[in-house]
Amino acid sequence: MENSAEGSLKARSLDISPCVTSDVRLFIEENHYSKSINGVKITQCFKIEHLGELVGAVLFGQLSTTAWKKFGTTEAEVLELRRLVLLDKCGKNSESRAIGYCLRWLRTNLPHVKKIVSYADPMYGHDGTIYRAANFTMVGVTPDDKGFYDPETGKTYHSRAMRTKYKGDYKPFVKRLRAKLEAGLLVEKVLKGKFCYVYGLTLTKCRKRRKDV
């Protein structure tokens, strides 16, 4: 996510609310380091505004693989924090405020969700500081994996993206990527393992955190 430690907007001045994907898609594509939400199974998203200006966004969705089995008894019990981005001008503690609001909203409105999982990517300088500040627990590091860099777009895609299907068929962007791969236009690269963090959506923990967010 974007560094906001030197920002000018106070965390308490930010308005956070649930929204639809179209409200934040372009913002995320322009400001998140991934530059994309293709392949993300979106369950719920939130927009962060200041005086009506969009300054941040958060996306939650199902995990891309069967990794949910490590965290819950059913897939519906587990969501991943898939995208979190705030502009640089958002001030200190803005991340904690945004995450705290989202966790409380999910607990109230999606009571079947028991665990929130998030990954911090060291390849982009992230170690999970904001998750630790929000009372997430680090449970391990994922193995190194394979990705593909597209020189044309400047984006790197995880190998999972090459297998993303919808109703049994590859999504259009996946077909384009696979065609580029077959043509030798993508560069294979090693993706370093990510730090895995987990938060339990329990009433006790949420009550305990209310003074902190």
C-alpha atoms as a PDB file:
ATOM      1  CA  MET A   1       0.000   0.000   0.000  1.00  0.00           C
ATOM      2  CA  GLU A   2       1.036   3.646  -0.267  1.00  0.00           C
ATOM      3  CA  ASN A   3       3.160   5.178   2.497  1.00  0.00           C
ATOM      4  CA  SER A   4       1.098   7.764   4.377  1.00  0.00           C
ATOM      5  CA  ALA A   5       3.277   8.494   7.398  1.00  0.00           C
ATOM      6  CA  GLU A   6       4.058  12.039   6.206  1.00  0.00           C
ATOM      7  CA  GLY A   7       0.513  12.842   5.100  1.00  0.00           C
ATOM      8  CA  SER A   8      -1.377  16.033   5.924  1.00  0.00           C
ATOM      9  CA  LEU A   9      -4.894  14.597   6.327  1.00  0.00           C
ATOM     10  CA  LYS A  10      -5.796  13.510   9.851  1.00  0.00           C
ATOM     11  CA  ALA A  11      -6.983   9.920  10.179  1.00  0.00           C
ATOM     12  CA  ARG A  12     -10.135  11.063  12.009  1.00  0.00           C
ATOM     13  CA  SER A  13     -11.081  13.315   9.099  1.00  0.00           C
ATOM     14  CA  LEU A  14     -11.418  10.381   6.702  1.00  0.00           C
ATOM     15  CA  ASP A  15     -14.849   8.982   5.845  1.00  0.00           C
ATOM     16  CA  ILE A  16     -14.915   5.205   5.324  1.00  0.00           C
ATOM     17  CA  SER A  17     -17.935   3.440   3.860  1.00  0.00           C
ATOM     18  CA  PRO A  18     -18.898   0.269   1.974  1.00  0.00           C
ATOM     19  CA  CYS A  19     -19.158   0.661  -1.791  1.00  0.00           C
ATOM     20  CA  VAL A  20     -19.380  -1.220  -5.068  1.00  0.00           C
ATOM     21  CA  THR A  21     -16.315  -2.270  -7.028  1.00  0.00           C
ATOM     22  CA  SER A  22     -16.851   0.266  -9.800  1.00  0.00           C
ATOM     23  CA  ASP A  23     -16.465   3.080  -7.238  1.00  0.00           C
ATOM     24  CA  VAL A  24     -12.821   2.191  -6.575  1.00  0.00           C
ATOM     25  CA  ARG A  25     -11.586   0.061  -9.486  1.00  0.00           C
ATOM     26  CA  LEU A  26      -9.840   2.863 -11.391  1.00  0.00           C
ATOM     27  CA  PHE A  27      -8.421   4.356  -8.191  1.00  0.00           C
ATOM     28  CA  ILE A  28      -6.836   1.023  -7.208  1.00  0.00           C
ATOM     29  CA  GLU A  29      -5.491   0.409 -10.697  1.00  0.00           C
ATOM     30  CA  GLU A  30      -3.836   3.828 -10.635  1.00  0.00           C
ATOM     31  CA  ASN A  31      -2.510   3.828  -7.071  1.00  0.00           C
ATOM     32  CA  HIS A  32      -1.946   0.262  -5.800  1.00  0.00           C
ATOM     33  CA  TYR A  33       1.422  -1.304  -6.595  1.00  0.00           C
ATOM     34  CA  SER A  34      -0.298  -4.253  -8.310  1.00  0.00           C
ATOM     35  CA  LYS A  35      -2.017  -1.862 -10.765  1.00  0.00           C
ATOM     36  CA  SER A  36      -4.804  -4.419 -11.156  1.00  0.00           C
ATOM     37  CA  ILE A  37      -7.736  -6.223  -9.543  1.00  0.00           C
ATOM     38  CA  ASN A  38      -8.030  -8.798 -12.313  1.00  0.00           C
ATOM     39  CA  GLY A  39      -8.533 -12.257 -10.887  1.00  0.00           C
ATOM     40  CA  VAL A  40      -9.554 -10.973  -7.462  1.00  0.00           C
ATOM     41  CA  LYS A  41     -12.692 -12.625  -6.083  1.00  0.00           C
ATOM     42  CA  ILE A  42     -14.280  -9.555  -4.529  1.00  0.00           C
ATOM     43  CA  THR A  43     -16.713 -10.033  -1.658  1.00  0.00           C
ATOM     44  CA  GLN A  44     -16.798  -6.536  -0.175  1.00  0.00           C
ATOM     45  CA  CYS A  45     -15.083  -3.249  -0.878  1.00  0.00           C
ATOM     46  CA  PHE A  46     -14.818   0.073   0.937  1.00  0.00           C
ATOM     47  CA  LYS A  47     -14.008   3.597  -0.160  1.00  0.00           C
ATOM     48  CA  ILE A  48     -12.095   6.155   1.882  1.00  0.00           C
ATOM     49  CA  GLU A  49     -12.910   9.792   1.241  1.00  0.00           C
ATOM     50  CA  HIS A  50     -11.951  13.229   2.482  1.00  0.00           C
ATOM     51  CA  LEU A  51     -14.497  15.964   1.827  1.00  0.00           C
ATOM     52  CA  GLY A  52     -15.896  13.900  -1.035  1.00  0.00           C
ATOM     53  CA  GLU A  53     -12.509  13.165  -2.636  1.00  0.00           C
ATOM     54  CA  LEU A  54     -11.540   9.509  -2.993  1.00  0.00           C
ATOM     55  CA  VAL A  55      -8.236   9.013  -1.141  1.00  0.00           C
ATOM     56  CA  GLY A  56      -8.222   5.284  -0.425  1.00  0.00           C
ATOM     57  CA  ALA A  57      -9.824   1.911  -0.942  1.00  0.00           C
ATOM     58  CA  VAL A  58      -9.968  -1.534   0.646  1.00  0.00           C
ATOM     59  CA  LEU A  59     -11.024  -4.823  -0.987  1.00  0.00           C
ATOM     60  CA  PHE A  60     -11.867  -8.112   0.717  1.00  0.00           C
ATOM     61  CA  GLY A  61     -12.456 -11.367  -1.123  1.00  0.00           C
ATOM     62  CA  GLN A  62     -12.044 -15.121  -1.085  1.00  0.00           C
ATOM     63  CA  LEU A  63      -8.545 -16.559  -1.204  1.00  0.00           C
ATOM     64  CA  SER A  64      -7.356 -17.456  -4.689  1.00  0.00           C
ATOM     65  CA  THR A  65      -6.626 -21.076  -3.776  1.00  0.00           C
ATOM     66  CA  THR A  66      -7.732 -23.692  -1.284  1.00  0.00           C
ATOM     67  CA  ALA A  67      -5.456 -22.055   1.299  1.00  0.00           C
ATOM     68  CA  TRP A  68      -8.624 -21.144   3.220  1.00  0.00           C
ATOM     69  CA  LYS A  69      -8.512 -24.694   4.610  1.00  0.00           C
ATOM     70  CA  LYS A  70      -5.618 -23.602   6.833  1.00  0.00           C
ATOM     71  CA  PHE A  71      -7.800 -20.997   8.510  1.00  0.00           C
ATOM     72  CA  GLY A  72     -11.403 -22.239   8.628  1.00  0.00           C
ATOM     73  CA  THR A  73     -13.703 -25.194   8.275  1.00  0.00           C
ATOM     74  CA  THR A  74     -15.531 -23.719   5.256  1.00  0.00           C
ATOM     75  CA  GLU A  75     -14.470 -21.335   2.501  1.00  0.00           C
ATOM     76  CA  ALA A  76     -17.214 -18.888   3.490  1.00  0.00           C
ATOM     77  CA  GLU A  77     -15.611 -18.426   6.926  1.00  0.00           C
ATOM     78  CA  VAL A  78     -12.414 -16.931   5.515  1.00  0.00           C
ATOM     79  CA  LEU A  79     -11.807 -13.676   3.644  1.00  0.00           C
ATOM     80  CA  GLU A  80      -8.559 -12.155   2.465  1.00  0.00           C
ATOM     81  CA  LEU A  81      -7.750  -8.459   2.589  1.00  0.00           C
ATOM     82  CA  ARG A  82      -6.894  -8.326  -1.117  1.00  0.00           C
ATOM     83  CA  ARG A  83      -6.169  -4.630  -1.674  1.00  0.00           C
ATOM     84  CA  LEU A  84      -5.423  -1.730   0.697  1.00  0.00           C
ATOM     85  CA  VAL A  85      -4.298   1.604  -0.699  1.00  0.00           C
ATOM     86  CA  LEU A  86      -4.210   5.143   0.685  1.00  0.00           C
ATOM     87  CA  LEU A  87      -2.772   8.255  -0.920  1.00  0.00           C
ATOM     88  CA  ASP A  88       0.426   9.704   0.546  1.00  0.00           C
ATOM     89  CA  LYS A  89      -1.444  12.707   1.924  1.00  0.00           C
ATOM     90  CA  CYS A  90      -3.423  10.514   4.323  1.00  0.00           C
ATOM     91  CA  GLY A  91      -1.925  10.937   7.769  1.00  0.00           C
ATOM     92  CA  LYS A  92      -0.475   8.699  10.437  1.00  0.00           C
ATOM     93  CA  ASN A  93      -2.785   5.932  11.685  1.00  0.00           C
ATOM     94  CA  SER A  94      -5.012   6.199   8.587  1.00  0.00           C
ATOM     95  CA  GLU A  95      -4.368   2.538   7.763  1.00  0.00           C
ATOM     96  CA  SER A  96      -5.340   1.410  11.273  1.00  0.00           C
ATOM     97  CA  ARG A  97      -8.501   3.512  11.187  1.00  0.00           C
ATOM     98  CA  ALA A  98      -9.517   2.109   7.789  1.00  0.00           C
ATOM     99  CA  ILE A  99      -8.784  -1.502   8.719  1.00  0.00           C
ATOM    100  CA  GLY A 100     -10.541  -1.131  12.070  1.00  0.00           C
ATOM    101  CA  TYR A 101     -13.710   0.212  10.434  1.00  0.00           C
ATOM    102  CA  CYS A 102     -13.720  -2.572   7.854  1.00  0.00           C
ATOM    103  CA  LEU A 103     -13.257  -5.313  10.455  1.00  0.00           C
ATOM    104  CA  ARG A 104     -16.141  -3.997  12.567  1.00  0.00           C
ATOM    105  CA  TRP A 105     -18.374  -3.707   9.469  1.00  0.00           C
ATOM    106  CA  LEU A 106     -17.577  -7.264   8.385  1.00  0.00           C
ATOM    107  CA  ARG A 107     -18.252  -8.658  11.858  1.00  0.00           C
ATOM    108  CA  THR A 108     -21.649  -6.953  11.959  1.00  0.00           C
ATOM    109  CA  ASN A 109     -22.785  -7.488   8.378  1.00  0.00           C
ATOM    110  CA  LEU A 110     -21.090 -10.777   7.435  1.00  0.00           C
ATOM    111  CA  PRO A 111     -21.333 -12.751  10.708  1.00  0.00           C
ATOM    112  CA  HIS A 112     -20.434 -16.022   8.962  1.00  0.00           C
ATOM    113  CA  VAL A 113     -16.902 -14.711   8.342  1.00  0.00           C
ATOM    114  CA  LYS A 114     -14.603 -15.834  11.166  1.00  0.00           C
ATOM    115  CA  LYS A 115     -11.085 -15.097   9.907  1.00  0.00           C
ATOM    116  CA  ILE A 116      -9.420 -12.344   7.888  1.00  0.00           C
ATOM    117  CA  VAL A 117      -6.145 -13.228   6.173  1.00  0.00           C
ATOM    118  CA  SER A 118      -3.701 -10.779   4.630  1.00  0.00           C
ATOM    119  CA  TYR A 119      -0.271 -11.030   3.048  1.00  0.00           C
ATOM    120  CA  ALA A 120       2.584  -8.504   3.161  1.00  0.00           C
ATOM    121  CA  ASP A 121       4.847  -8.659   0.115  1.00  0.00           C
ATOM    122  CA  PRO A 122       8.559  -8.055   0.910  1.00  0.00           C
ATOM    123  CA  MET A 123       9.287  -7.549  -2.805  1.00  0.00           C
ATOM    124  CA  TYR A 124       7.521  -4.196  -2.433  1.00  0.00           C
ATOM    125  CA  GLY A 125       9.095  -3.349   0.921  1.00  0.00           C
ATOM    126  CA  HIS A 126       6.162  -4.515   3.021  1.00  0.00           C
ATOM    127  CA  ASP A 127       6.617  -6.449   6.245  1.00  0.00           C
ATOM    128  CA  GLY A 128       3.148  -6.192   7.772  1.00  0.00           C
ATOM    129  CA  THR A 129       3.688  -3.286  10.167  1.00  0.00           C
ATOM    130  CA  ILE A 130       0.170  -1.975   9.546  1.00  0.00           C
ATOM    131  CA  TYR A 131      -1.319  -5.414  10.216  1.00  0.00           C
ATOM    132  CA  ARG A 132       0.541  -5.796  13.495  1.00  0.00           C
ATOM    133  CA  ALA A 133      -0.727  -2.341  14.473  1.00  0.00           C
ATOM    134  CA  ALA A 134      -4.262  -3.566  13.759  1.00  0.00           C
ATOM    135  CA  ASN A 135      -3.789  -6.642  16.015  1.00  0.00           C
ATOM    136  CA  PHE A 136      -3.287  -9.176  13.238  1.00  0.00           C
ATOM    137  CA  THR A 137      -1.038 -12.116  14.114  1.00  0.00           C
ATOM    138  CA  MET A 138       1.758 -13.247  11.794  1.00  0.00           C
ATOM    139  CA  VAL A 139       1.417 -17.000  11.280  1.00  0.00           C
ATOM    140  CA  GLY A 140       4.203 -17.688   8.772  1.00  0.00           C
ATOM    141  CA  VAL A 141       5.771 -16.990   5.405  1.00  0.00           C
ATOM    142  CA  THR A 142       4.547 -18.446   2.127  1.00  0.00           C
ATOM    143  CA  PRO A 143       6.998 -20.357  -0.121  1.00  0.00           C
ATOM    144  CA  ASP A 144       8.644 -18.573  -3.036  1.00  0.00           C
ATOM    145  CA  ASP A 145       6.548 -18.828  -6.178  1.00  0.00           C
ATOM    146  CA  LYS A 146       6.661 -18.101  -9.893  1.00  0.00           C
ATOM    147  CA  GLY A 147       5.434 -14.992 -11.633  1.00  0.00           C
ATOM    148  CA  PHE A 148       5.465 -13.444 -15.081  1.00  0.00           C
ATOM    149  CA  TYR A 149       6.500  -9.884 -15.898  1.00  0.00           C
ATOM    150  CA  ASP A 150       4.864  -8.153 -18.854  1.00  0.00           C
ATOM    151  CA  PRO A 151       7.280  -5.528 -20.287  1.00  0.00           C
ATOM    152  CA  GLU A 152       4.457  -3.988 -22.297  1.00  0.00           C
ATOM    153  CA  THR A 153       2.343  -3.072 -19.267  1.00  0.00           C
ATOM    154  CA  GLY A 154       5.006  -3.073 -16.552  1.00  0.00           C
ATOM    155  CA  LYS A 155       2.888  -5.462 -14.483  1.00  0.00           C
ATOM    156  CA  THR A 156       3.893  -8.733 -12.862  1.00  0.00           C
ATOM    157  CA  TYR A 157       1.332 -11.530 -12.669  1.00  0.00           C
ATOM    158  CA  HIS A 158       1.350 -14.432 -10.251  1.00  0.00           C
ATOM    159  CA  SER A 159       1.281 -17.870 -11.843  1.00  0.00           C
ATOM    160  CA  ARG A 160      -2.218 -18.295 -10.380  1.00  0.00           C
ATOM    161  CA  ALA A 161      -3.441 -15.488 -12.629  1.00  0.00           C
ATOM    162  CA  MET A 162      -2.664 -17.659 -15.638  1.00  0.00           C
ATOM    163  CA  ARG A 163      -5.186 -20.215 -14.387  1.00  0.00           C
ATOM    164  CA  THR A 164      -8.082 -17.928 -13.425  1.00  0.00           C
ATOM    165  CA  LYS A 165     -11.368 -19.173 -14.854  1.00  0.00           C
ATOM    166  CA  TYR A 166     -14.976 -18.035 -14.821  1.00  0.00           C
ATOM    167  CA  LYS A 167     -17.715 -20.590 -15.456  1.00  0.00           C
ATOM    168  CA  GLY A 168     -15.179 -23.085 -16.694  1.00  0.00           C
ATOM    169  CA  ASP A 169     -13.421 -20.814 -19.184  1.00  0.00           C
ATOM    170  CA  TYR A 170     -10.367 -18.581 -18.891  1.00  0.00           C
ATOM    171  CA  LYS A 171     -11.176 -14.931 -18.348  1.00  0.00           C
ATOM    172  CA  PRO A 172     -10.374 -12.620 -21.303  1.00  0.00           C
ATOM    173  CA  PHE A 173      -7.323 -11.085 -19.602  1.00  0.00           C
ATOM    174  CA  VAL A 174      -6.012 -14.587 -18.842  1.00  0.00           C
ATOM    175  CA  LYS A 175      -6.363 -15.586 -22.487  1.00  0.00           C
ATOM    176  CA  ARG A 176      -4.344 -12.533 -23.470  1.00  0.00           C
ATOM    177  CA  LEU A 177      -1.657 -13.343 -20.901  1.00  0.00           C
ATOM    178  CA  ARG A 178      -1.431 -16.989 -21.959  1.00  0.00           C
ATOM    179  CA  ALA A 179      -1.116 -15.908 -25.600  1.00  0.00           C
ATOM    180  CA  LYS A 180       1.740 -13.577 -24.658  1.00  0.00           C
ATOM    181  CA  LEU A 181       3.397 -16.359 -22.675  1.00  0.00           C
ATOM    182  CA  GLU A 182       3.197 -18.751 -25.612  1.00  0.00           C
ATOM    183  CA  ALA A 183       4.689 -16.020 -27.837  1.00  0.00           C
ATOM    184  CA  GLY A 184       7.602 -15.561 -25.441  1.00  0.00           C
ATOM    185  CA  LEU A 185       6.574 -12.013 -24.516  1.00  0.00           C
ATOM    186  CA  LEU A 186       6.449 -12.531 -20.739  1.00  0.00           C
ATOM    187  CA  VAL A 187       9.510 -12.766 -18.498  1.00  0.00           C
ATOM    188  CA  GLU A 188       9.469 -15.462 -15.827  1.00  0.00           C
ATOM    189  CA  LYS A 189      10.606 -14.294 -12.381  1.00  0.00           C
ATOM    190  CA  VAL A 190      10.775 -15.593  -8.813  1.00  0.00           C
ATOM    191  CA  LEU A 191       8.237 -14.103  -6.407  1.00  0.00           C
ATOM    192  CA  LYS A 192       9.563 -14.083  -2.869  1.00  0.00           C
ATOM    193  CA  GLY A 193       7.371 -15.554  -0.131  1.00  0.00           C
ATOM    194  CA  LYS A 194       4.953 -13.231   1.635  1.00  0.00           C
ATOM    195  CA  PHE A 195       4.354 -12.696   5.347  1.00  0.00           C
ATOM    196  CA  CYS A 196       0.959 -14.143   6.297  1.00  0.00           C
ATOM    197  CA  TYR A 197      -1.184 -12.398   8.913  1.00  0.00           C
ATOM    198  CA  VAL A 198      -4.515 -13.499  10.422  1.00  0.00           C
ATOM    199  CA  TYR A 199      -7.212 -11.685  12.395  1.00  0.00           C
ATOM    200  CA  GLY A 200     -10.040 -13.464  14.213  1.00  0.00           C
ATOM    201  CA  LEU A 201     -13.387 -11.689  13.877  1.00  0.00           C
ATOM    202  CA  THR A 202     -14.599 -12.334  17.417  1.00  0.00           C
ATOM    203  CA  LEU A 203     -16.775 -10.056  19.491  1.00  0.00           C
ATOM    204  CA  THR A 204     -14.268  -9.966  22.327  1.00  0.00           C
ATOM    205  CA  LYS A 205     -11.359  -8.869  20.142  1.00  0.00           C
ATOM    206  CA  CYS A 206     -13.397  -6.236  18.331  1.00  0.00           C
ATOM    207  CA  ARG A 207     -14.569  -4.736  21.624  1.00  0.00           C
ATOM    208  CA  LYS A 208     -11.015  -4.753  22.920  1.00  0.00           C
ATOM    209  CA  ARG A 209      -9.777  -2.808  19.870  1.00  0.00           C
ATOM    210  CA  ARG A 210     -12.423  -0.076  19.718  1.00  0.00           C
ATOM    211  CA  LYS A 211     -10.346   2.433  21.676  1.00  0.00           C
ATOM    212  CA  ASP A 212      -7.413   1.951  19.339  1.00  0.00           C
ATOM    213  CA  VAL A 213      -9.032   2.742  15.989  1.00  0.00           C
END
